[in-house]
Protein backbone atom coordinates (compact mmCIF):
# COMPACT_ATOMS: atom_id res chain seq x y z
CA UNK A 1 0.00 0.00 0.00
CA UNK A 2 1.28 3.46 -0.92
CA UNK A 3 2.18 5.96 1.78
CA UNK A 4 0.29 9.23 2.13
CA UNK A 5 1.24 12.32 4.06
CA UNK A 6 -1.33 13.31 6.66
CA UNK A 7 -1.76 15.72 9.53
CA UNK A 8 -3.41 14.56 12.74
CA UNK A 9 -4.76 17.41 14.86
CA UNK A 10 -5.08 16.52 18.54
CA UNK A 11 -6.88 18.48 21.28
CA UNK A 12 -6.13 17.38 24.84
CA UNK A 13 -8.66 18.37 27.48
CA UNK A 14 -7.78 15.63 29.99
CA UNK A 15 -4.11 15.61 30.97
CA UNK A 16 -4.58 12.23 32.68
CA UNK A 17 -4.49 10.68 29.18
CA UNK A 18 -1.16 12.22 28.11
CA UNK A 19 0.98 9.28 29.26
CA UNK A 20 -1.10 6.85 27.18
CA UNK A 21 -1.03 9.26 24.21
CA UNK A 22 2.77 9.43 24.31
CA UNK A 23 2.94 5.63 24.46
CA UNK A 24 0.74 5.34 21.35
CA UNK A 25 2.83 7.93 19.51
CA UNK A 26 6.03 6.05 20.34
CA UNK A 27 4.49 2.86 18.87
CA UNK A 28 4.06 4.71 15.56
CA UNK A 29 7.29 6.73 15.70
CA UNK A 30 8.66 5.20 12.48
CA UNK A 31 5.82 6.95 10.59
CA UNK A 32 5.95 10.33 12.36
CA UNK A 33 7.91 12.99 10.48
CA UNK A 34 7.06 15.94 12.71
CA UNK A 35 5.32 16.94 15.92
CA UNK A 36 4.39 20.32 17.36
CA UNK A 37 2.73 20.92 20.71
CA UNK A 38 1.14 24.11 21.96
CA UNK A 39 -0.11 24.55 25.52
CA UNK A 40 -3.08 26.91 25.59
CA UNK A 41 -3.14 27.84 29.26
CA UNK A 42 -5.98 30.34 28.98
CA UNK A 43 -8.34 27.60 27.80
CA UNK A 44 -6.81 24.77 29.85
CA UNK A 45 -6.09 22.61 26.78
CA UNK A 46 -3.10 21.37 24.82
CA UNK A 47 -2.93 21.23 21.05
CA UNK A 48 -0.66 18.83 19.18
CA UNK A 49 -0.18 18.41 15.45
CA UNK A 50 1.44 15.23 14.18
CA UNK A 51 2.62 14.87 10.59
CA UNK A 52 2.87 11.30 9.34
CA UNK A 53 3.98 9.56 6.17
CA UNK A 54 2.33 6.15 6.24
CA UNK A 55 -0.18 3.90 4.50
CA UNK A 56 -3.70 5.23 5.00
CA UNK A 57 -4.72 2.24 7.15
CA UNK A 58 -1.81 2.88 9.54
CA UNK A 59 -2.70 6.58 9.82
CA UNK A 60 -6.35 5.71 10.43
CA UNK A 61 -5.40 3.19 13.13
CA UNK A 62 -3.17 5.76 14.85
CA UNK A 63 -5.85 8.46 14.73
CA UNK A 64 -8.48 6.03 16.00
CA UNK A 65 -6.35 4.94 18.96
CA UNK A 66 -5.67 8.56 19.87
CA UNK A 67 -9.32 9.54 19.53
CA UNK A 68 -10.41 6.69 21.78
CA UNK A 69 -8.54 8.17 24.73
CA UNK A 70 -10.72 9.92 27.30
CA UNK A 71 -10.60 13.70 26.99
CA UNK A 72 -8.68 13.65 23.69
CA UNK A 73 -10.05 14.46 20.23
CA UNK A 74 -8.19 13.65 17.00
CA UNK A 75 -8.99 14.57 13.40
CA UNK A 76 -6.98 13.65 10.32
CA UNK A 77 -6.51 15.40 6.99
CA UNK A 78 -4.64 13.90 4.07
CA UNK A 79 -2.50 15.49 1.40
CA UNK A 80 -3.67 14.69 -2.11
CA UNK A 81 -2.06 11.56 -3.48
CA UNK A 82 -1.01 13.36 -6.68
CA UNK A 83 2.63 13.06 -7.62
């Protein structure tokens, strides 16, 4: 299966889930090409963007695992698969 570049946007509202989130991200580290985190203290949330280069089923599995964590929301957007 061909790799696609995607961006996973993550909103963390429950910091109790951060340890599990980091564990999941380390499981997929071979596909992660960039990560940026922004604490938004005024709103009491954290925002993370993860850029991946992976087959679409791997990206979907990663996003699904992240989104299943309590107090964490994840949404994925894909780059076009044009060359």
